[in-house]
Amino acid sequence: MRKLKNLCRLLSTVLAISLIILGTNLTVFATEDVATEESTEEISDIQSESTVDATENEIVHISEDGNISYETISATTEETSTYSNEDIVILNDTPSTLQEDDVMATASSNDLQDVSLFSVPLEPYKHMCLITATFPNGKVMESSGILISQNLVLASAHGIYWSEYGGAAKHVYIGVGAYFANSKIKYQGYIYSWNGAILSSNWPTTEKQVYDWSLIKLPENIDYPYQKCGYVPDYTQATNKDIRLIGYPGVEGKGATAFKTSTGQITGTTDNLFINDKVKNLWTLSAKGDGGMSGGPIIEESNGVVIGIYVARRGLVNTALANPLTKEIADVILQNAVW
């Protein structure tokens, strides 16, 4: 009888432990399922109640209808990495030629200039994408991006997710190779409806501009040339790099009206320049940017590689600010891109 009681106690203990483990797993999946099924209007409340300690490598997946879910991306190491500089470039002081036709229009000053019709079919301009997002409150926003693989467009986060407009966009269209001729928009590629997007989980909860990046997913792998991208291991050491900014400035209520480029340098960082915590850890640029150019690439002139994203103008003189591409962002790109 005693043995039978001991056996019953053992079985009860095993059963209890099993239920605890099962309950924990169900809680995790239930939390993710709730976040996926809730409407966009309720996303902000869900995120504000979240107790997850988000890191830069936890990412948000936005589905094509505006719902969200979370995923943790593990960092790559030199030992486990299978990519080469054909995919992601680790930039240093040694220039490398990575584009077959990296002819860029030259600007005589740092002011915005039209991308000429002669330059439109050349690198990097032919990779540019005009992004049109419709938000839950009905707001339509146009922003800029650049094709970096057969299936991903590098862009800003606020161009597709902004709490002020209701959270995640409900519809997004990507015009590949967009340019203007006689004031009319034309495309070297096609217009695609997005297949959702990937962004840092810190953007929806903080909207700090260091997290203002996204990877917009195309509905299919497209047969169209794309721009190389890379990162500077220490963004604070990038001062004086010659760069180019490209994008589609526009007019409120009218959308994009032009295709512009500007050259300049990375002049420093925002770390000691601004009090506002939302604009820390960014680059300051001597190149000029404008509304609608958000998400446009920062391209290092010496090698034609995308190393950052234009995010805003700030300060008394409207200094252009850029979000540096980091190792963490590169890891997300590597695990989602198709080359």
Protein backbone atom coordinates (compact mmCIF):
# COMPACT_ATOMS: atom_id res chain seq x y z
CA MET A 1 0.00 0.00 0.00
CA ARG A 2 2.83 2.39 0.88
CA LYS A 3 4.46 1.72 -2.49
CA LEU A 4 1.16 2.46 -4.20
CA LYS A 5 0.85 5.78 -2.35
CA ASN A 6 4.40 6.74 -3.27
CA LEU A 7 3.72 5.88 -6.88
CA CYS A 8 0.58 8.02 -6.84
CA ARG A 9 2.55 10.94 -5.34
CA LEU A 10 5.21 10.54 -8.04
CA LEU A 11 2.61 10.48 -10.80
CA SER A 12 0.90 13.54 -9.33
CA THR A 13 4.19 15.44 -9.22
CA VAL A 14 5.04 14.54 -12.82
CA LEU A 15 1.54 15.57 -13.90
CA ALA A 16 1.81 18.91 -12.09
CA ILE A 17 5.17 19.68 -13.64
CA SER A 18 3.83 18.75 -17.07
CA LEU A 19 0.86 21.09 -16.64
CA ILE A 20 3.13 23.94 -15.57
CA ILE A 21 5.36 23.46 -18.63
CA LEU A 22 2.34 23.12 -20.92
CA GLY A 23 0.71 26.17 -19.37
CA THR A 24 3.87 28.23 -19.91
CA ASN A 25 4.07 27.26 -23.57
CA LEU A 26 0.38 27.99 -24.08
CA THR A 27 0.79 31.41 -22.48
CA VAL A 28 3.60 32.35 -24.85
CA PHE A 29 1.70 31.26 -27.94
CA ALA A 30 -1.53 32.82 -26.69
CA THR A 31 0.20 36.17 -26.22
CA GLU A 32 1.57 36.02 -29.76
CA ASP A 33 -1.79 34.93 -31.16
CA VAL A 34 -3.64 37.75 -29.42
CA ALA A 35 -1.19 40.30 -30.82
CA THR A 36 -1.70 38.84 -34.29
CA GLU A 37 -5.49 38.74 -34.16
CA GLU A 38 -6.18 42.13 -32.59
CA SER A 39 -7.12 45.06 -34.82
CA THR A 40 -4.53 47.74 -35.56
CA GLU A 41 -6.34 50.23 -33.34
CA GLU A 42 -5.70 47.96 -30.32
CA ILE A 43 -2.03 47.31 -31.04
CA SER A 44 -0.78 50.30 -29.02
CA ASP A 45 -2.63 49.12 -25.91
CA ILE A 46 -1.27 45.58 -26.26
CA GLN A 47 2.28 46.86 -26.60
CA SER A 48 2.03 49.27 -23.67
CA GLU A 49 0.93 46.36 -21.46
CA SER A 50 3.71 44.05 -22.66
CA THR A 51 6.25 42.99 -20.06
CA VAL A 52 8.69 41.60 -22.62
CA ASP A 53 12.17 43.10 -22.31
CA ALA A 54 12.56 44.09 -25.97
CA THR A 55 16.00 44.18 -27.51
CA GLU A 56 17.08 45.47 -30.89
CA ASN A 57 17.12 41.89 -32.17
CA GLU A 58 13.50 41.29 -31.32
CA ILE A 59 11.58 42.21 -34.43
CA VAL A 60 7.99 42.87 -35.37
CA HIS A 61 6.35 41.22 -38.36
CA ILE A 62 3.54 43.26 -39.90
CA SER A 63 1.22 41.20 -42.09
CA GLU A 64 -0.19 42.53 -45.34
CA ASP A 65 -3.45 43.43 -43.57
CA GLY A 66 -1.72 45.33 -40.74
CA ASN A 67 -1.63 42.74 -37.92
CA ILE A 68 1.58 42.14 -35.98
CA SER A 69 3.55 39.33 -34.35
CA TYR A 70 6.99 39.09 -32.75
CA GLU A 71 10.18 37.12 -33.42
CA THR A 72 13.62 37.08 -31.81
CA ILE A 73 16.53 37.10 -34.25
CA SER A 74 19.79 35.55 -33.06
CA ALA A 75 23.00 37.34 -33.96
CA THR A 76 25.33 35.83 -36.53
CA THR A 77 28.97 35.22 -35.70
CA GLU A 78 32.02 34.74 -37.85
CA GLU A 79 31.97 31.05 -36.93
CA THR A 80 28.33 30.46 -37.90
CA SER A 81 28.03 32.99 -40.71
CA THR A 82 27.56 31.71 -44.24
CA TYR A 83 27.41 35.05 -46.01
CA SER A 84 30.10 37.01 -47.78
CA ASN A 85 30.58 40.62 -48.82
CA GLU A 86 28.56 39.74 -51.89
CA ASP A 87 25.57 39.95 -49.54
CA ILE A 88 26.37 42.25 -46.62
CA VAL A 89 29.42 44.49 -46.65
CA ILE A 90 31.34 45.28 -43.47
CA LEU A 91 32.66 48.70 -44.31
CA ASN A 92 36.07 49.96 -43.32
CA ASP A 93 38.47 52.57 -44.63
CA THR A 94 39.34 50.55 -47.74
CA PRO A 95 36.99 51.38 -50.63
CA SER A 96 35.71 48.48 -52.70
CA THR A 97 33.96 48.50 -56.04
CA LEU A 98 30.75 46.55 -55.63
CA GLN A 99 28.53 47.87 -58.42
CA GLU A 100 28.92 47.12 -62.11
CA ASP A 101 27.71 50.54 -63.17
CA ASP A 102 28.12 52.75 -60.12
CA VAL A 103 27.91 56.02 -62.07
CA MET A 104 26.40 58.71 -59.88
CA ALA A 105 25.36 62.20 -60.81
CA THR A 106 27.66 64.75 -59.22
CA ALA A 107 26.24 67.76 -57.39
CA SER A 108 28.07 71.06 -57.33
CA SER A 109 26.85 71.75 -53.78
CA ASN A 110 25.08 70.04 -50.89
CA ASP A 111 21.69 71.33 -52.06
CA LEU A 112 19.01 69.01 -53.39
CA GLN A 113 19.17 68.51 -57.12
CA ASP A 114 16.96 66.70 -59.60
CA VAL A 115 18.11 63.25 -60.63
CA SER A 116 18.57 63.71 -64.36
CA LEU A 117 16.82 61.46 -66.87
CA PHE A 118 20.32 60.40 -67.96
CA SER A 119 21.07 59.10 -64.44
CA VAL A 120 17.68 57.45 -63.77
CA PRO A 121 18.63 54.05 -65.32
CA LEU A 122 22.00 53.94 -63.51
CA GLU A 123 23.12 52.81 -60.07
CA PRO A 124 21.88 53.62 -57.46
CA TYR A 125 18.84 55.48 -58.80
CA LYS A 126 17.24 52.54 -60.62
CA HIS A 127 16.92 50.71 -57.28
CA MET A 128 14.90 53.44 -55.60
CA CYS A 129 11.31 52.75 -54.54
CA LEU A 130 8.40 55.10 -53.91
CA ILE A 131 6.33 53.81 -50.98
CA THR A 132 2.65 54.71 -50.54
CA ALA A 133 1.05 53.66 -47.25
CA THR A 134 -2.57 53.96 -46.13
CA PHE A 135 -3.01 54.06 -42.34
CA PRO A 136 -6.01 53.01 -40.21
CA ASN A 137 -7.16 56.63 -39.74
CA GLY A 138 -7.26 57.14 -43.52
CA LYS A 139 -3.98 59.06 -43.72
CA VAL A 140 -1.99 58.36 -46.89
CA MET A 141 1.78 58.87 -46.66
CA GLU A 142 4.43 58.63 -49.33
CA SER A 143 8.04 57.93 -48.42
CA SER A 144 11.24 56.56 -49.93
CA GLY A 145 13.07 53.24 -49.90
CA ILE A 146 15.60 51.21 -51.84
CA LEU A 147 15.56 47.64 -53.13
CA ILE A 148 18.34 45.66 -51.39
CA SER A 149 17.47 42.11 -52.44
CA GLN A 150 15.02 40.25 -54.64
CA ASN A 151 12.38 40.42 -51.91
CA LEU A 152 13.17 43.33 -49.54
CA VAL A 153 12.99 47.12 -49.65
CA LEU A 154 14.94 49.01 -46.98
CA ALA A 155 12.84 51.94 -45.74
CA SER A 156 11.88 53.92 -42.64
CA ALA A 157 9.63 52.50 -39.94
CA HIS A 158 7.46 55.59 -39.64
CA GLY A 159 6.54 55.32 -43.31
CA ILE A 160 4.54 52.16 -42.51
CA TYR A 161 3.92 52.30 -38.74
CA TRP A 162 2.99 55.46 -36.87
CA SER A 163 0.92 55.46 -33.69
CA GLU A 164 -0.42 58.93 -34.49
CA TYR A 165 -2.11 57.48 -37.57
CA GLY A 166 -3.42 54.35 -35.85
CA GLY A 167 -0.39 52.05 -35.88
CA ALA A 168 0.52 49.70 -38.71
CA ALA A 169 -0.46 50.62 -42.26
CA LYS A 170 -3.36 48.64 -43.73
CA HIS A 171 -2.15 48.86 -47.32
CA VAL A 172 1.28 49.63 -48.81
CA TYR A 173 2.31 49.92 -52.46
CA ILE A 174 5.91 49.92 -53.67
CA GLY A 175 6.79 51.55 -57.00
CA VAL A 176 10.13 50.05 -58.06
CA GLY A 177 12.49 52.30 -60.01
CA ALA A 178 10.23 55.35 -59.64
CA TYR A 179 11.24 58.64 -61.27
CA PHE A 180 9.68 61.79 -62.71
CA ALA A 181 9.55 62.87 -66.34
CA ASN A 182 7.71 66.07 -67.30
CA SER A 183 6.35 66.20 -63.75
CA LYS A 184 4.73 62.77 -64.15
CA ILE A 185 5.64 59.71 -62.13
CA LYS A 186 7.03 56.74 -64.08
CA TYR A 187 8.45 53.36 -63.08
CA GLN A 188 11.34 51.31 -64.42
CA GLY A 189 9.96 48.26 -62.63
CA TYR A 190 6.44 47.48 -61.44
CA ILE A 191 4.13 48.58 -58.64
CA TYR A 192 3.76 45.87 -55.99
CA SER A 193 1.39 45.48 -53.06
CA TRP A 194 3.44 44.63 -49.99
CA ASN A 195 3.58 41.26 -48.29
CA GLY A 196 4.00 42.85 -44.86
CA ALA A 197 7.18 44.18 -43.27
CA ILE A 198 9.80 43.64 -40.57
CA LEU A 199 10.90 46.27 -38.07
CA SER A 200 12.43 46.56 -34.62
CA SER A 201 10.04 45.79 -31.77
CA ASN A 202 11.37 48.95 -30.11
CA TRP A 203 9.90 51.25 -32.76
CA PRO A 204 6.19 50.78 -31.92
CA THR A 205 6.85 51.10 -28.19
CA THR A 206 9.31 54.03 -28.21
CA GLU A 207 9.33 55.60 -31.71
CA LYS A 208 12.96 56.53 -31.12
CA GLN A 209 14.52 57.25 -34.47
CA VAL A 210 17.45 54.92 -33.92
CA TYR A 211 14.81 52.20 -34.47
CA ASP A 212 13.30 54.00 -37.47
CA TRP A 213 14.02 51.32 -40.07
CA SER A 214 12.00 48.64 -41.78
CA LEU A 215 12.27 45.88 -44.35
CA ILE A 216 9.20 45.93 -46.57
CA LYS A 217 8.52 42.50 -48.05
CA LEU A 218 7.56 42.14 -51.70
CA PRO A 219 4.89 39.56 -52.61
CA GLU A 220 7.38 37.65 -54.77
CA ASN A 221 11.08 37.45 -55.54
CA ILE A 222 11.54 39.86 -58.42
CA ASP A 223 14.02 39.72 -61.27
CA TYR A 224 15.28 43.28 -60.90
CA PRO A 225 18.73 44.60 -59.91
CA TYR A 226 19.20 45.68 -56.30
CA GLN A 227 21.63 47.83 -54.34
CA LYS A 228 24.34 46.47 -52.05
CA CYS A 229 24.08 47.39 -48.39
CA GLY A 230 26.44 47.18 -45.44
CA TYR A 231 27.25 48.67 -42.07
CA VAL A 232 29.97 50.57 -40.27
CA PRO A 233 31.00 48.56 -37.17
CA ASP A 234 31.28 51.73 -35.04
CA TYR A 235 28.89 54.45 -36.22
CA THR A 236 30.70 57.08 -34.13
CA GLN A 237 33.81 56.63 -36.30
CA ALA A 238 32.07 57.38 -39.60
CA THR A 239 32.62 61.15 -39.51
CA ASN A 240 33.80 62.71 -42.79
CA LYS A 241 32.63 59.83 -44.98
CA ASP A 242 31.37 61.19 -48.31
CA ILE A 243 27.77 60.19 -48.78
CA ARG A 244 24.76 60.60 -51.08
CA LEU A 245 21.13 60.91 -50.07
CA ILE A 246 18.30 60.06 -52.51
CA GLY A 247 14.54 60.24 -52.21
CA TYR A 248 11.18 61.58 -53.29
CA PRO A 249 10.35 64.96 -51.70
CA GLY A 250 6.73 65.98 -51.92
CA VAL A 251 4.03 68.44 -50.96
CA GLU A 252 1.48 67.92 -48.19
CA GLY A 253 -1.75 66.73 -49.74
CA LYS A 254 -0.15 66.00 -53.11
CA GLY A 255 2.42 63.36 -52.29
CA ALA A 256 5.75 62.94 -54.07
CA THR A 257 6.47 65.58 -56.70
CA ALA A 258 10.15 65.05 -57.55
CA PHE A 259 13.14 62.70 -57.57
CA LYS A 260 16.06 64.37 -55.78
CA THR A 261 19.62 63.68 -54.67
CA SER A 262 22.10 65.52 -52.47
CA THR A 263 25.74 64.91 -51.64
CA GLY A 264 27.64 65.75 -48.48
CA GLN A 265 29.40 64.18 -45.53
CA ILE A 266 28.61 62.51 -42.24
CA THR A 267 29.48 65.43 -39.97
CA GLY A 268 29.11 63.70 -36.60
CA THR A 269 26.47 62.20 -34.32
CA THR A 270 23.44 63.50 -32.45
CA ASP A 271 24.65 62.12 -29.12
CA ASN A 272 25.74 65.49 -27.70
CA LEU A 273 23.80 67.74 -30.06
CA PHE A 274 20.20 67.16 -28.99
CA ILE A 275 18.49 66.91 -25.62
CA ASN A 276 15.56 64.92 -27.00
CA ASP A 277 16.24 61.24 -26.32
CA LYS A 278 14.29 60.24 -29.44
CA VAL A 279 17.03 61.52 -31.73
CA LYS A 280 20.10 60.02 -30.05
CA ASN A 281 22.60 57.65 -31.73
CA LEU A 282 22.05 59.06 -35.22
CA TRP A 283 24.33 60.63 -37.81
CA THR A 284 24.22 64.30 -38.69
CA LEU A 285 24.70 65.08 -42.38
CA SER A 286 25.78 68.07 -44.44
CA ALA A 287 23.65 66.69 -47.30
CA LYS A 288 20.15 68.09 -47.54
CA GLY A 289 16.91 66.17 -47.04
CA ASP A 290 13.24 67.05 -47.29
CA GLY A 291 9.79 65.74 -46.45
CA GLY A 292 9.01 62.57 -48.39
CA MET A 293 12.66 61.53 -48.49
CA SER A 294 12.33 59.64 -45.20
CA GLY A 295 13.55 56.10 -45.69
CA GLY A 296 15.81 57.15 -48.54
CA PRO A 297 19.26 55.53 -48.51
CA ILE A 298 22.50 57.03 -47.27
CA ILE A 299 25.05 55.73 -49.78
CA GLU A 300 28.80 55.85 -49.28
CA GLU A 301 30.17 57.53 -52.41
CA SER A 302 33.44 55.61 -52.55
CA ASN A 303 31.81 52.22 -53.10
CA GLY A 304 28.09 52.66 -53.74
CA VAL A 305 27.00 50.80 -50.60
CA VAL A 306 23.92 51.72 -48.54
CA ILE A 307 25.07 52.39 -44.97
CA GLY A 308 22.14 54.30 -43.47
CA ILE A 309 18.60 55.61 -43.77
CA TYR A 310 17.47 59.23 -43.84
CA VAL A 311 14.94 59.81 -41.05
CA ALA A 312 14.38 63.51 -40.34
CA ARG A 313 15.48 67.12 -40.17
CA ARG A 314 16.08 68.65 -36.77
CA GLY A 315 17.51 71.76 -35.13
CA LEU A 316 17.52 75.44 -35.95
CA VAL A 317 19.12 74.86 -39.35
CA ASN A 318 17.13 71.69 -40.19
CA THR A 319 20.15 69.39 -39.98
CA ALA A 320 19.58 66.14 -41.86
CA LEU A 321 19.69 63.06 -39.61
CA ALA A 322 20.33 59.45 -40.63
CA ASN A 323 19.93 56.13 -38.89
CA PRO A 324 23.15 54.08 -39.31
CA LEU A 325 22.80 50.47 -40.41
CA THR A 326 24.13 48.31 -37.57
CA LYS A 327 25.29 44.73 -37.15
CA GLU A 328 21.91 43.96 -35.57
CA ILE A 329 20.02 45.27 -38.60
CA ALA A 330 22.39 43.37 -40.90
CA ASP A 331 21.56 40.14 -39.03
CA VAL A 332 17.85 40.70 -39.68
CA ILE A 333 18.52 41.41 -43.37
CA LEU A 334 20.67 38.30 -43.71
CA GLN A 335 18.00 36.05 -42.25
CA ASN A 336 15.23 37.37 -44.50
CA ALA A 337 16.77 38.45 -47.80
CA VAL A 338 16.78 36.45 -51.02
CA TRP A 339 19.72 37.20 -53.32
